[in-house]
Amino acid sequence: MFKISYKTFILAPATALCVIAPFIYKAGFDNTQYFEQSAFLIPMISAAVAILLSFTTFTSRFSGLAMFISSFTSLLAFVKASYLYLSSVFFSGIPETLGEILEQIGFNWSFCAFAYAIAMILGVVNMFLHEIED
């Protein structure tokens, strides 16, 4: 009944990113108009759900889907909470190079956006691995 496979370990980095990103978001945007509690709580709850689903044999095939959906939901909540931040940052114009764009956006916003995107990708990889083996 309980079976931990190598596919579960693929979700470990995604789970770590979904737990670390909200704290970086809170560190950068706490006490500003760009902080919402839902964007802080959704990623941690979703990471816990994806890991809990991966422990049993029957539900482990749904853990990647849960990670994808929850990471996507986390990204949407984060963007909803901070899209005005981006408009204020880019009000004076968008720089020409990617390095300048990331510098203008700042580490906190960039890390959170990339963390949720990578967690979504790892969720999709996990789904494909379950499909190949089943």
Protein backbone atom coordinates (compact mmCIF):
# COMPACT_ATOMS: atom_id res chain seq x y z
CA MET A 1 0.00 0.00 0.00
CA PHE A 2 2.71 2.50 0.90
CA LYS A 3 5.34 2.72 -1.78
CA ILE A 4 7.83 5.51 -2.20
CA SER A 5 9.37 5.40 -5.64
CA TYR A 6 11.97 7.49 -7.41
CA LYS A 7 9.14 9.52 -8.95
CA THR A 8 8.29 10.84 -5.51
CA PHE A 9 11.80 12.24 -5.22
CA ILE A 10 11.23 14.28 -8.38
CA LEU A 11 8.53 16.13 -6.47
CA ALA A 12 10.91 16.91 -3.59
CA PRO A 13 12.56 19.91 -5.30
CA ALA A 14 9.13 21.15 -6.44
CA THR A 15 7.85 20.87 -2.90
CA ALA A 16 10.90 22.66 -1.55
CA LEU A 17 10.39 25.48 -4.04
CA CYS A 18 6.71 25.75 -3.08
CA VAL A 19 7.68 26.03 0.59
CA ILE A 20 10.60 28.44 0.16
CA ALA A 21 9.00 30.81 -2.38
CA PRO A 22 6.23 32.12 -0.08
CA PHE A 23 8.77 33.12 2.55
CA ILE A 24 10.86 34.97 -0.02
CA TYR A 25 7.66 36.62 -1.25
CA LYS A 26 6.79 37.62 2.31
CA ALA A 27 10.31 38.93 2.95
CA GLY A 28 10.17 41.16 -0.11
CA PHE A 29 6.56 42.31 -0.09
CA ASP A 30 5.34 42.11 3.51
CA ASN A 31 3.72 45.35 4.70
CA THR A 32 3.18 46.52 1.12
CA GLN A 33 0.07 46.68 -1.00
CA TYR A 34 1.48 43.82 -3.10
CA PHE A 35 1.23 41.20 -0.34
CA GLU A 36 -1.79 38.89 -0.03
CA GLN A 37 -2.13 36.16 2.53
CA SER A 38 -3.61 33.73 -0.02
CA ALA A 39 -0.48 33.97 -2.18
CA PHE A 40 1.49 33.07 0.94
CA LEU A 41 -0.64 30.11 2.10
CA ILE A 42 -1.68 28.38 -1.15
CA PRO A 43 1.82 27.15 -2.12
CA MET A 44 2.49 25.55 1.27
CA ILE A 45 -0.88 23.80 1.36
CA SER A 46 -0.45 22.61 -2.20
CA ALA A 47 3.02 21.22 -1.51
CA ALA A 48 1.67 19.27 1.45
CA VAL A 49 -1.19 17.84 -0.63
CA ALA A 50 1.14 16.75 -3.45
CA ILE A 51 3.50 15.01 -1.03
CA LEU A 52 0.64 13.30 0.82
CA LEU A 53 -0.75 11.99 -2.45
CA SER A 54 2.61 10.51 -3.39
CA PHE A 55 2.85 8.15 -0.41
CA THR A 56 0.23 5.57 -1.33
CA THR A 57 0.34 3.38 -4.40
CA PHE A 58 -3.16 4.26 -5.56
CA THR A 59 -2.86 8.04 -5.28
CA SER A 60 0.80 8.44 -6.28
CA ARG A 61 -0.13 8.74 -9.96
CA PHE A 62 -2.09 11.90 -9.09
CA SER A 63 0.72 13.59 -7.17
CA GLY A 64 2.27 15.12 -10.29
CA LEU A 65 -1.10 16.46 -11.40
CA ALA A 66 -1.68 17.88 -7.93
CA MET A 67 1.75 19.54 -8.01
CA PHE A 68 1.09 21.01 -11.45
CA ILE A 69 -2.35 22.35 -10.55
CA SER A 70 -1.23 23.67 -7.19
CA SER A 71 1.90 25.31 -8.60
CA PHE A 72 -0.17 26.92 -11.34
CA THR A 73 -2.68 28.12 -8.74
CA SER A 74 0.19 29.45 -6.62
CA LEU A 75 1.62 31.29 -9.60
CA LEU A 76 -1.77 32.81 -10.39
CA ALA A 77 -2.27 33.91 -6.76
CA PHE A 78 1.23 35.40 -6.72
CA VAL A 79 0.73 37.27 -9.99
CA LYS A 80 -2.71 38.49 -8.89
CA ALA A 81 -1.18 39.85 -5.70
CA SER A 82 1.80 41.53 -7.36
CA TYR A 83 0.89 42.49 -10.92
CA LEU A 84 0.65 46.15 -9.90
CA TYR A 85 4.23 45.87 -8.68
CA LEU A 86 5.33 44.96 -12.21
CA SER A 87 3.41 47.85 -13.72
CA SER A 88 5.05 50.26 -11.29
CA VAL A 89 8.51 48.80 -11.97
CA PHE A 90 8.13 49.01 -15.74
CA PHE A 91 6.37 52.38 -15.76
CA SER A 92 9.53 54.12 -16.96
CA GLY A 93 10.16 51.51 -19.66
CA ILE A 94 11.44 48.01 -20.23
CA PRO A 95 15.22 47.52 -20.46
CA GLU A 96 16.78 45.86 -23.49
CA THR A 97 18.56 42.88 -21.92
CA LEU A 98 17.22 40.08 -19.75
CA GLY A 99 19.77 40.82 -17.05
CA GLU A 100 18.58 44.41 -16.78
CA ILE A 101 14.96 43.26 -16.70
CA LEU A 102 15.65 40.83 -13.84
CA GLU A 103 17.62 43.50 -12.01
CA GLN A 104 14.76 45.96 -12.39
CA ILE A 105 12.15 43.44 -11.21
CA GLY A 106 14.21 42.39 -8.22
CA PHE A 107 15.26 39.07 -6.72
CA ASN A 108 12.12 38.38 -4.68
CA TRP A 109 9.66 38.60 -7.55
CA SER A 110 11.94 36.80 -10.01
CA PHE A 111 12.66 33.93 -7.62
CA CYS A 112 8.99 33.34 -6.85
CA ALA A 113 7.95 33.38 -10.50
CA PHE A 114 10.73 31.00 -11.53
CA ALA A 115 10.13 28.73 -8.51
CA TYR A 116 6.46 28.24 -9.37
CA ALA A 117 7.29 27.70 -13.05
CA ILE A 118 9.92 25.06 -12.22
CA ALA A 119 7.52 23.35 -9.80
CA MET A 120 4.92 23.19 -12.58
CA ILE A 121 7.46 21.65 -14.95
CA LEU A 122 8.49 19.06 -12.35
CA GLY A 123 4.84 18.19 -11.83
CA VAL A 124 4.45 17.56 -15.56
CA VAL A 125 7.64 15.45 -15.60
CA ASN A 126 6.24 13.41 -12.72
CA MET A 127 2.99 12.87 -14.62
CA PHE A 128 4.87 11.62 -17.68
CA LEU A 129 7.00 9.27 -15.59
CA HIS A 130 3.88 7.75 -14.07
CA GLU A 131 2.36 7.38 -17.53
CA ILE A 132 5.45 5.65 -18.92
CA GLU A 133 5.61 3.11 -16.10
CA ASP A 134 1.87 2.36 -15.80
